[in-house]
């Protein structure tokens, strides 16, 4: 099953790295592709993956486009900033 989700707050490769690492930790996920420019996360998961990936992305600070407003959007942006920083550090350590 292939799922494409347009999300907010993706700024760089650090964000993409954090998203990929977190989603790939789920055994049902076969692959993750993050298009930073378009703000789209494409997830290939097993057919029986009845999991709400949008909720997982929101928890990381990358809400589905148009899904978060007001304070929820501000909280998501703050979470994505931290996630982005962690992804950048991971990328630097793994080089």
PDB file of N, CA and C in Angstrom:
ATOM      1  N   UNK A   1       0.854  -1.164   0.000  1.00  0.00           N
ATOM      2  CA  UNK A   1       0.000   0.000   0.000  1.00  0.00           C
ATOM      3  C   UNK A   1       0.904   1.233   0.000  1.00  0.00           C
ATOM      4  N   UNK A   2       0.608   2.177  -0.895  1.00  0.00           N
ATOM      5  CA  UNK A   2       1.382   3.415  -0.995  1.00  0.00           C
ATOM      6  C   UNK A   2       0.503   4.565  -0.525  1.00  0.00           C
ATOM      7  N   UNK A   3       1.031   5.362   0.399  1.00  0.00           N
ATOM      8  CA  UNK A   3       0.295   6.482   0.978  1.00  0.00           C
ATOM      9  C   UNK A   3       1.111   7.747   0.768  1.00  0.00           C
ATOM     10  N   UNK A   4       0.486   8.788   0.216  1.00  0.00           N
ATOM     11  CA  UNK A   4       1.137  10.087   0.067  1.00  0.00           C
ATOM     12  C   UNK A   4       0.419  11.086   0.962  1.00  0.00           C
ATOM     13  N   UNK A   5       1.205  11.799   1.774  1.00  0.00           N
ATOM     14  CA  UNK A   5       0.638  12.776   2.698  1.00  0.00           C
ATOM     15  C   UNK A   5       1.376  14.096   2.517  1.00  0.00           C
ATOM     16  N   UNK A   6       0.638  15.146   2.174  1.00  0.00           N
ATOM     17  CA  UNK A   6       1.211  16.490   2.095  1.00  0.00           C
ATOM     18  C   UNK A   6       1.249  17.040   3.515  1.00  0.00           C
ATOM     19  N   UNK A   7       2.437  17.448   3.959  1.00  0.00           N
ATOM     20  CA  UNK A   7       2.597  17.909   5.333  1.00  0.00           C
ATOM     21  C   UNK A   7       3.226  19.296   5.377  1.00  0.00           C
ATOM     22  N   UNK A   8       3.119  19.911   6.532  1.00  0.00           N
ATOM     23  CA  UNK A   8       3.696  21.239   6.758  1.00  0.00           C
ATOM     24  C   UNK A   8       4.991  21.112   7.562  1.00  0.00           C
ATOM     25  N   UNK A   9       5.783  22.154   7.555  1.00  0.00           N
ATOM     26  CA  UNK A   9       6.975  22.328   8.396  1.00  0.00           C
ATOM     27  C   UNK A   9       8.213  21.574   7.939  1.00  0.00           C
ATOM     28  N   UNK A  10       8.204  20.922   6.779  1.00  0.00           N
ATOM     29  CA  UNK A  10       9.428  20.276   6.295  1.00  0.00           C
ATOM     30  C   UNK A  10      10.313  21.366   5.709  1.00  0.00           C
ATOM     31  N   UNK A  11      11.512  21.507   6.273  1.00  0.00           N
ATOM     32  CA  UNK A  11      12.389  22.589   5.854  1.00  0.00           C
ATOM     33  C   UNK A  11      13.672  22.114   5.179  1.00  0.00           C
ATOM     34  N   UNK A  12      14.139  20.907   5.540  1.00  0.00           N
ATOM     35  CA  UNK A  12      15.457  20.508   5.059  1.00  0.00           C
ATOM     36  C   UNK A  12      15.647  18.993   5.139  1.00  0.00           C
ATOM     37  N   UNK A  13      16.845  18.577   4.812  1.00  0.00           N
ATOM     38  CA  UNK A  13      17.189  17.164   4.885  1.00  0.00           C
ATOM     39  C   UNK A  13      17.161  16.625   6.304  1.00  0.00           C
ATOM     40  N   UNK A  14      17.387  17.494   7.294  1.00  0.00           N
ATOM     41  CA  UNK A  14      17.304  17.059   8.692  1.00  0.00           C
ATOM     42  C   UNK A  14      15.882  16.648   9.045  1.00  0.00           C
ATOM     43  N   UNK A  15      14.922  17.418   8.559  1.00  0.00           N
ATOM     44  CA  UNK A  15      13.505  17.072   8.770  1.00  0.00           C
ATOM     45  C   UNK A  15      13.216  15.734   8.100  1.00  0.00           C
ATOM     46  N   UNK A  16      13.658  15.598   6.863  1.00  0.00           N
ATOM     47  CA  UNK A  16      13.423  14.363   6.105  1.00  0.00           C
ATOM     48  C   UNK A  16      14.045  13.162   6.814  1.00  0.00           C
ATOM     49  N   UNK A  17      15.242  13.351   7.347  1.00  0.00           N
ATOM     50  CA  UNK A  17      15.923  12.277   8.064  1.00  0.00           C
ATOM     51  C   UNK A  17      15.144  11.854   9.307  1.00  0.00           C
ATOM     52  N   UNK A  18      14.663  12.825  10.068  1.00  0.00           N
ATOM     53  CA  UNK A  18      13.894  12.513  11.274  1.00  0.00           C
ATOM     54  C   UNK A  18      12.603  11.770  10.938  1.00  0.00           C
ATOM     55  N   UNK A  19      11.906  12.241   9.905  1.00  0.00           N
ATOM     56  CA  UNK A  19      10.656  11.598   9.492  1.00  0.00           C
ATOM     57  C   UNK A  19      10.927  10.168   9.045  1.00  0.00           C
ATOM     58  N   UNK A  20      11.926   9.994   8.203  1.00  0.00           N
ATOM     59  CA  UNK A  20      12.248   8.665   7.686  1.00  0.00           C
ATOM     60  C   UNK A  20      12.627   7.719   8.814  1.00  0.00           C
ATOM     61  N   UNK A  21      13.490   8.162   9.703  1.00  0.00           N
ATOM     62  CA  UNK A  21      13.944   7.316  10.808  1.00  0.00           C
ATOM     63  C   UNK A  21      12.776   6.883  11.696  1.00  0.00           C
ATOM     64  N   UNK A  22      11.914   7.819  12.035  1.00  0.00           N
ATOM     65  CA  UNK A  22      10.788   7.507  12.909  1.00  0.00           C
ATOM     66  C   UNK A  22       9.812   6.544  12.231  1.00  0.00           C
ATOM     67  N   UNK A  23       9.430   6.827  10.997  1.00  0.00           N
ATOM     68  CA  UNK A  23       8.465   5.969  10.317  1.00  0.00           C
ATOM     69  C   UNK A  23       9.039   4.586  10.005  1.00  0.00           C
ATOM     70  N   UNK A  24      10.326   4.513   9.686  1.00  0.00           N
ATOM     71  CA  UNK A  24      10.947   3.224   9.379  1.00  0.00           C
ATOM     72  C   UNK A  24      11.075   2.340  10.618  1.00  0.00           C
ATOM     73  N   UNK A  25      10.917   2.914  11.805  1.00  0.00           N
ATOM     74  CA  UNK A  25      10.978   2.103  13.022  1.00  0.00           C
ATOM     75  C   UNK A  25       9.725   1.234  13.190  1.00  0.00           C
ATOM     76  N   UNK A  26       8.696   1.507  12.392  1.00  0.00           N
ATOM     77  CA  UNK A  26       7.468   0.702  12.385  1.00  0.00           C
ATOM     78  C   UNK A  26       7.682  -0.467  11.417  1.00  0.00           C
ATOM     79  N   UNK A  27       7.554  -1.689  11.911  1.00  0.00           N
ATOM     80  CA  UNK A  27       7.815  -2.885  11.103  1.00  0.00           C
ATOM     81  C   UNK A  27       6.910  -2.979   9.879  1.00  0.00           C
ATOM     82  N   UNK A  28       5.787  -2.312   9.893  1.00  0.00           N
ATOM     83  CA  UNK A  28       4.860  -2.369   8.757  1.00  0.00           C
ATOM     84  C   UNK A  28       5.281  -1.460   7.614  1.00  0.00           C
ATOM     85  N   UNK A  29       6.241  -0.582   7.867  1.00  0.00           N
ATOM     86  CA  UNK A  29       6.700   0.364   6.843  1.00  0.00           C
ATOM     87  C   UNK A  29       7.853  -0.255   6.059  1.00  0.00           C
ATOM     88  N   UNK A  30       7.678  -0.299   4.739  1.00  0.00           N
ATOM     89  CA  UNK A  30       8.699  -0.865   3.857  1.00  0.00           C
ATOM     90  C   UNK A  30       9.670   0.206   3.353  1.00  0.00           C
ATOM     91  N   UNK A  31       9.146   1.400   3.076  1.00  0.00           N
ATOM     92  CA  UNK A  31      10.012   2.491   2.627  1.00  0.00           C
ATOM     93  C   UNK A  31       9.336   3.833   2.887  1.00  0.00           C
ATOM     94  N   UNK A  32      10.168   4.861   2.964  1.00  0.00           N
ATOM     95  CA  UNK A  32       9.687   6.228   3.167  1.00  0.00           C
ATOM     96  C   UNK A  32      10.479   7.133   2.228  1.00  0.00           C
ATOM     97  N   UNK A  33       9.770   8.004   1.528  1.00  0.00           N
ATOM     98  CA  UNK A  33      10.416   9.001   0.679  1.00  0.00           C
ATOM     99  C   UNK A  33       9.860  10.363   1.084  1.00  0.00           C
ATOM    100  N   UNK A  34      10.750  11.309   1.354  1.00  0.00           N
ATOM    101  CA  UNK A  34      10.325  12.647   1.753  1.00  0.00           C
ATOM    102  C   UNK A  34      10.788  13.631   0.693  1.00  0.00           C
ATOM    103  N   UNK A  35       9.834  14.302   0.066  1.00  0.00           N
ATOM    104  CA  UNK A  35      10.119  15.342  -0.914  1.00  0.00           C
ATOM    105  C   UNK A  35      10.086  16.678  -0.162  1.00  0.00           C
ATOM    106  N   UNK A  36      11.264  17.181   0.171  1.00  0.00           N
ATOM    107  CA  UNK A  36      11.377  18.404   0.963  1.00  0.00           C
ATOM    108  C   UNK A  36      10.772  19.590   0.217  1.00  0.00           C
ATOM    109  N   UNK A  37      11.051  19.713  -1.066  1.00  0.00           N
ATOM    110  CA  UNK A  37      10.566  20.844  -1.858  1.00  0.00           C
ATOM    111  C   UNK A  37       9.039  20.893  -1.919  1.00  0.00           C
ATOM    112  N   UNK A  38       8.412  19.750  -2.108  1.00  0.00           N
ATOM    113  CA  UNK A  38       6.957  19.685  -2.245  1.00  0.00           C
ATOM    114  C   UNK A  38       6.240  19.497  -0.910  1.00  0.00           C
ATOM    115  N   UNK A  39       6.980  19.097   0.135  1.00  0.00           N
ATOM    116  CA  UNK A  39       6.368  18.855   1.432  1.00  0.00           C
ATOM    117  C   UNK A  39       5.487  17.621   1.431  1.00  0.00           C
ATOM    118  N   UNK A  40       5.941  16.574   0.730  1.00  0.00           N
ATOM    119  CA  UNK A  40       5.154  15.350   0.608  1.00  0.00           C
ATOM    120  C   UNK A  40       5.944  14.170   1.159  1.00  0.00           C
ATOM    121  N   UNK A  41       5.272  13.385   2.007  1.00  0.00           N
ATOM    122  CA  UNK A  41       5.846  12.160   2.542  1.00  0.00           C
ATOM    123  C   UNK A  41       5.128  10.994   1.870  1.00  0.00           C
ATOM    124  N   UNK A  42       5.901  10.111   1.227  1.00  0.00           N
ATOM    125  CA  UNK A  42       5.336   8.932   0.582  1.00  0.00           C
ATOM    126  C   UNK A  42       5.784   7.715   1.376  1.00  0.00           C
ATOM    127  N   UNK A  43       4.797   6.940   1.822  1.00  0.00           N
ATOM    128  CA  UNK A  43       5.062   5.779   2.664  1.00  0.00           C
ATOM    129  C   UNK A  43       4.585   4.535   1.938  1.00  0.00           C
ATOM    130  N   UNK A  44       5.454   3.551   1.836  1.00  0.00           N
ATOM    131  CA  UNK A  44       5.054   2.246   1.312  1.00  0.00           C
ATOM    132  C   UNK A  44       4.995   1.311   2.517  1.00  0.00           C
ATOM    133  N   UNK A  45       3.797   0.796   2.774  1.00  0.00           N
ATOM    134  CA  UNK A  45       3.591  -0.047   3.953  1.00  0.00           C
ATOM    135  C   UNK A  45       2.917  -1.345   3.542  1.00  0.00           C
ATOM    136  N   UNK A  46       2.982  -2.326   4.425  1.00  0.00           N
ATOM    137  CA  UNK A  46       2.326  -3.599   4.161  1.00  0.00           C
ATOM    138  C   UNK A  46       0.826  -3.375   4.032  1.00  0.00           C
ATOM    139  N   UNK A  47       0.178  -4.245   3.331  1.00  0.00           N
ATOM    140  CA  UNK A  47      -1.259  -4.122   3.082  1.00  0.00           C
ATOM    141  C   UNK A  47      -2.081  -4.065   4.359  1.00  0.00           C
ATOM    142  N   UNK A  48      -1.607  -4.713   5.419  1.00  0.00           N
ATOM    143  CA  UNK A  48      -2.385  -4.749   6.658  1.00  0.00           C
ATOM    144  C   UNK A  48      -2.038  -3.598   7.600  1.00  0.00           C
ATOM    145  N   UNK A  49      -1.386  -2.581   7.084  1.00  0.00           N
ATOM    146  CA  UNK A  49      -0.996  -1.450   7.919  1.00  0.00           C
ATOM    147  C   UNK A  49      -2.188  -0.514   8.099  1.00  0.00           C
ATOM    148  N   UNK A  50      -3.023  -0.829   9.043  1.00  0.00           N
ATOM    149  CA  UNK A  50      -4.184   0.017   9.338  1.00  0.00           C
ATOM    150  C   UNK A  50      -3.777   1.030  10.403  1.00  0.00           C
ATOM    151  N   UNK A  51      -2.767   1.801  10.092  1.00  0.00           N
ATOM    152  CA  UNK A  51      -2.168   2.739  11.042  1.00  0.00           C
ATOM    153  C   UNK A  51      -2.337   4.145  10.506  1.00  0.00           C
ATOM    154  N   UNK A  52      -2.624   5.068  11.363  1.00  0.00           N
ATOM    155  CA  UNK A  52      -2.812   6.443  10.941  1.00  0.00           C
ATOM    156  C   UNK A  52      -1.461   7.157  10.907  1.00  0.00           C
ATOM    157  N   UNK A  53      -0.826   7.154   9.746  1.00  0.00           N
ATOM    158  CA  UNK A  53       0.474   7.793   9.605  1.00  0.00           C
ATOM    159  C   UNK A  53       0.377   9.303   9.783  1.00  0.00           C
ATOM    160  N   UNK A  54      -0.761   9.899   9.455  1.00  0.00           N
ATOM    161  CA  UNK A  54      -0.939  11.336   9.651  1.00  0.00           C
ATOM    162  C   UNK A  54      -0.797  11.702  11.126  1.00  0.00           C
ATOM    163  N   UNK A  55      -1.328  10.862  12.005  1.00  0.00           N
ATOM    164  CA  UNK A  55      -1.222  11.108  13.448  1.00  0.00           C
ATOM    165  C   UNK A  55       0.227  11.012  13.903  1.00  0.00           C
ATOM    166  N   UNK A  56       0.972  10.061  13.366  1.00  0.00           N
ATOM    167  CA  UNK A  56       2.389   9.914  13.724  1.00  0.00           C
ATOM    168  C   UNK A  56       3.182  11.131  13.267  1.00  0.00           C
ATOM    169  N   UNK A  57       2.898  11.609  12.060  1.00  0.00           N
ATOM    170  CA  UNK A  57       3.588  12.798  11.558  1.00  0.00           C
ATOM    171  C   UNK A  57       3.237  14.029  12.386  1.00  0.00           C
ATOM    172  N   UNK A  58       1.981  14.163  12.773  1.00  0.00           N
ATOM    173  CA  UNK A  58       1.564  15.287  13.616  1.00  0.00           C
ATOM    174  C   UNK A  58       2.305  15.253  14.948  1.00  0.00           C
ATOM    175  N   UNK A  59       2.436  14.088  15.519  1.00  0.00           N
ATOM    176  CA  UNK A  59       3.135  13.937  16.807  1.00  0.00           C
ATOM    177  C   UNK A  59       4.592  14.387  16.697  1.00  0.00           C
ATOM    178  N   UNK A  60       5.193  14.216  15.498  1.00  0.00           N
ATOM    179  CA  UNK A  60       6.572  14.639  15.270  1.00  0.00           C
ATOM    180  C   UNK A  60       6.673  16.127  14.946  1.00  0.00           C
ATOM    181  N   UNK A  61       5.519  16.780  14.688  1.00  0.00           N
ATOM    182  CA  UNK A  61       5.533  18.204  14.354  1.00  0.00           C
ATOM    183  C   UNK A  61       5.330  18.491  12.888  1.00  0.00           C
ATOM    184  N   UNK A  62       4.901  17.484  12.129  1.00  0.00           N
ATOM    185  CA  UNK A  62       4.670  17.643  10.697  1.00  0.00           C
ATOM    186  C   UNK A  62       3.212  17.300  10.388  1.00  0.00           C
ATOM    187  N   UNK A  63       2.282  18.223  10.704  1.00  0.00           N
ATOM    188  CA  UNK A  63       0.863  17.926  10.482  1.00  0.00           C
ATOM    189  C   UNK A  63       0.515  17.878   8.997  1.00  0.00           C
ATOM    190  N   UNK A  64      -0.508  17.112   8.686  1.00  0.00           N
ATOM    191  CA  UNK A  64      -1.019  17.083   7.324  1.00  0.00           C
ATOM    192  C   UNK A  64      -1.425  18.511   6.948  1.00  0.00           C
ATOM    193  N   UNK A  65      -1.150  18.908   5.735  1.00  0.00           N
ATOM    194  CA  UNK A  65      -1.436  20.277   5.289  1.00  0.00           C
ATOM    195  C   UNK A  65      -2.880  20.651   5.589  1.00  0.00           C
ATOM    196  N   UNK A  66      -3.046  21.780   6.273  1.00  0.00           N
ATOM    197  CA  UNK A  66      -4.363  22.293   6.602  1.00  0.00           C
ATOM    198  C   UNK A  66      -5.020  21.660   7.809  1.00  0.00           C
ATOM    199  N   UNK A  67      -4.345  20.712   8.466  1.00  0.00           N
ATOM    200  CA  UNK A  67      -4.964  19.989   9.583  1.00  0.00           C
ATOM    201  C   UNK A  67      -4.785  20.690  10.925  1.00  0.00           C
ATOM    202  N   UNK A  68      -3.768  21.514  11.069  1.00  0.00           N
ATOM    203  CA  UNK A  68      -3.500  22.162  12.356  1.00  0.00           C
ATOM    204  C   UNK A  68      -3.632  23.672  12.206  1.00  0.00           C
ATOM    205  N   UNK A  69      -4.318  24.277  13.168  1.00  0.00           N
ATOM    206  CA  UNK A  69      -4.493  25.725  13.161  1.00  0.00           C
ATOM    207  C   UNK A  69      -4.228  26.284  14.548  1.00  0.00           C
ATOM    208  N   UNK A  70      -3.980  27.577  14.617  1.00  0.00           N
ATOM    209  CA  UNK A  70      -3.823  28.257  15.897  1.00  0.00           C
ATOM    210  C   UNK A  70      -2.714  27.675  16.755  1.00  0.00           C
ATOM    211  N   UNK A  71      -3.045  27.400  17.997  1.00  0.00           N
ATOM    212  CA  UNK A  71      -2.063  26.890  18.954  1.00  0.00           C
ATOM    213  C   UNK A  71      -1.533  25.533  18.517  1.00  0.00           C
ATOM    214  N   UNK A  72      -2.393  24.688  17.958  1.00  0.00           N
ATOM    215  CA  UNK A  72      -1.942  23.371  17.494  1.00  0.00           C
ATOM    216  C   UNK A  72      -0.875  23.520  16.411  1.00  0.00           C
ATOM    217  N   UNK A  73      -1.043  24.477  15.516  1.00  0.00           N
ATOM    218  CA  UNK A  73      -0.055  24.720  14.464  1.00  0.00           C
ATOM    219  C   UNK A  73       1.257  25.228  15.060  1.00  0.00           C
ATOM    220  N   UNK A  74       1.171  26.105  16.061  1.00  0.00           N
ATOM    221  CA  UNK A  74       2.374  26.626  16.713  1.00  0.00           C
ATOM    222  C   UNK A  74       3.123  25.508  17.439  1.00  0.00           C
ATOM    223  N   UNK A  75       2.390  24.633  18.114  1.00  0.00           N
ATOM    224  CA  UNK A  75       3.031  23.503  18.799  1.00  0.00           C
ATOM    225  C   UNK A  75       3.701  22.575  17.795  1.00  0.00           C
ATOM    226  N   UNK A  76       3.031  22.328  16.667  1.00  0.00           N
ATOM    227  CA  UNK A  76       3.603  21.464  15.637  1.00  0.00           C
ATOM    228  C   UNK A  76       4.876  22.073  15.080  1.00  0.00           C
ATOM    229  N   UNK A  77       4.870  23.384  14.872  1.00  0.00           N
ATOM    230  CA  UNK A  77       6.056  24.058  14.333  1.00  0.00           C
ATOM    231  C   UNK A  77       7.230  23.946  15.306  1.00  0.00           C
ATOM    232  N   UNK A  78       6.956  24.089  16.597  1.00  0.00           N
ATOM    233  CA  UNK A  78       8.011  23.962  17.606  1.00  0.00           C
ATOM    234  C   UNK A  78       8.571  22.541  17.624  1.00  0.00           C
ATOM    235  N   UNK A  79       7.693  21.548  17.555  1.00  0.00           N
ATOM    236  CA  UNK A  79       8.144  20.148  17.531  1.00  0.00           C
ATOM    237  C   UNK A  79       8.971  19.871  16.289  1.00  0.00           C
ATOM    238  N   UNK A  80       8.551  20.413  15.147  1.00  0.00           N
ATOM    239  CA  UNK A  80       9.298  20.167  13.914  1.00  0.00           C
ATOM    240  C   UNK A  80      10.677  20.807  13.973  1.00  0.00           C
ATOM    241  N   UNK A  81      10.801  21.950  14.657  1.00  0.00           N
ATOM    242  CA  UNK A  81      12.098  22.607  14.803  1.00  0.00           C
ATOM    243  C   UNK A  81      13.067  21.682  15.547  1.00  0.00           C
ATOM    244  N   UNK A  82      12.588  21.061  16.631  1.00  0.00           N
ATOM    245  CA  UNK A  82      13.410  20.131  17.407  1.00  0.00           C
ATOM    246  C   UNK A  82      13.740  18.897  16.565  1.00  0.00           C
ATOM    247  N   UNK A  83      12.740  18.358  15.874  1.00  0.00           N
ATOM    248  CA  UNK A  83      12.938  17.185  15.030  1.00  0.00           C
ATOM    249  C   UNK A  83      13.964  17.473  13.937  1.00  0.00           C
ATOM    250  N   UNK A  84      13.871  18.646  13.347  1.00  0.00           N
ATOM    251  CA  UNK A  84      14.805  19.074  12.310  1.00  0.00           C
ATOM    252  C   UNK A  84      16.232  19.111  12.863  1.00  0.00           C
ATOM    253  N   UNK A  85      16.391  19.707  14.036  1.00  0.00           N
ATOM    254  CA  UNK A  85      17.726  19.808  14.656  1.00  0.00           C
ATOM    255  C   UNK A  85      18.300  18.429  14.943  1.00  0.00           C
ATOM    256  N   UNK A  86      17.475  17.530  15.447  1.00  0.00           N
ATOM    257  CA  UNK A  86      17.943  16.163  15.734  1.00  0.00           C
ATOM    258  C   UNK A  86      18.360  15.482  14.444  1.00  0.00           C
ATOM    259  N   UNK A  87      17.565  15.648  13.381  1.00  0.00           N
ATOM    260  CA  UNK A  87      17.912  15.056  12.090  1.00  0.00           C
ATOM    261  C   UNK A  87      19.212  15.586  11.532  1.00  0.00           C
ATOM    262  N   UNK A  88      19.460  16.871  11.714  1.00  0.00           N
ATOM    263  CA  UNK A  88      20.723  17.460  11.232  1.00  0.00           C
ATOM    264  C   UNK A  88      21.914  16.895  11.999  1.00  0.00           C
ATOM    265  N   UNK A  89      21.761  16.769  13.313  1.00  0.00           N
ATOM    266  CA  UNK A  89      22.850  16.210  14.131  1.00  0.00           C
ATOM    267  C   UNK A  89      23.102  14.760  13.718  1.00  0.00           C
ATOM    268  N   UNK A  90      22.043  13.970  13.548  1.00  0.00           N
ATOM    269  CA  UNK A  90      22.195  12.584  13.118  1.00  0.00           C
ATOM    270  C   UNK A  90      22.926  12.500  11.786  1.00  0.00           C
ATOM    271  N   UNK A  91      22.573  13.393  10.836  1.00  0.00           N
ATOM    272  CA  UNK A  91      23.241  13.402   9.539  1.00  0.00           C
ATOM    273  C   UNK A  91      24.722  13.719   9.672  1.00  0.00           C
ATOM    274  N   UNK A  92      25.080  14.654  10.563  1.00  0.00           N
ATOM    275  CA  UNK A  92      26.479  15.032  10.742  1.00  0.00           C
ATOM    276  C   UNK A  92      27.259  13.893  11.400  1.00  0.00           C
ATOM    277  N   UNK A  93      26.655  13.205  12.349  1.00  0.00           N
ATOM    278  CA  UNK A  93      27.316  12.106  13.053  1.00  0.00           C
ATOM    279  C   UNK A  93      27.533  10.912  12.131  1.00  0.00           C
ATOM    280  N   UNK A  94      26.589  10.677  11.233  1.00  0.00           N
ATOM    281  CA  UNK A  94      26.655   9.509  10.347  1.00  0.00           C
ATOM    282  C   UNK A  94      27.512   9.728   9.103  1.00  0.00           C
ATOM    283  N   UNK A  95      28.086  10.911   8.937  1.00  0.00           N
ATOM    284  CA  UNK A  95      28.934  11.173   7.758  1.00  0.00           C
ATOM    285  C   UNK A  95      30.322  10.701   7.968  1.00  0.00           C
TER     286      UNK A  95
END
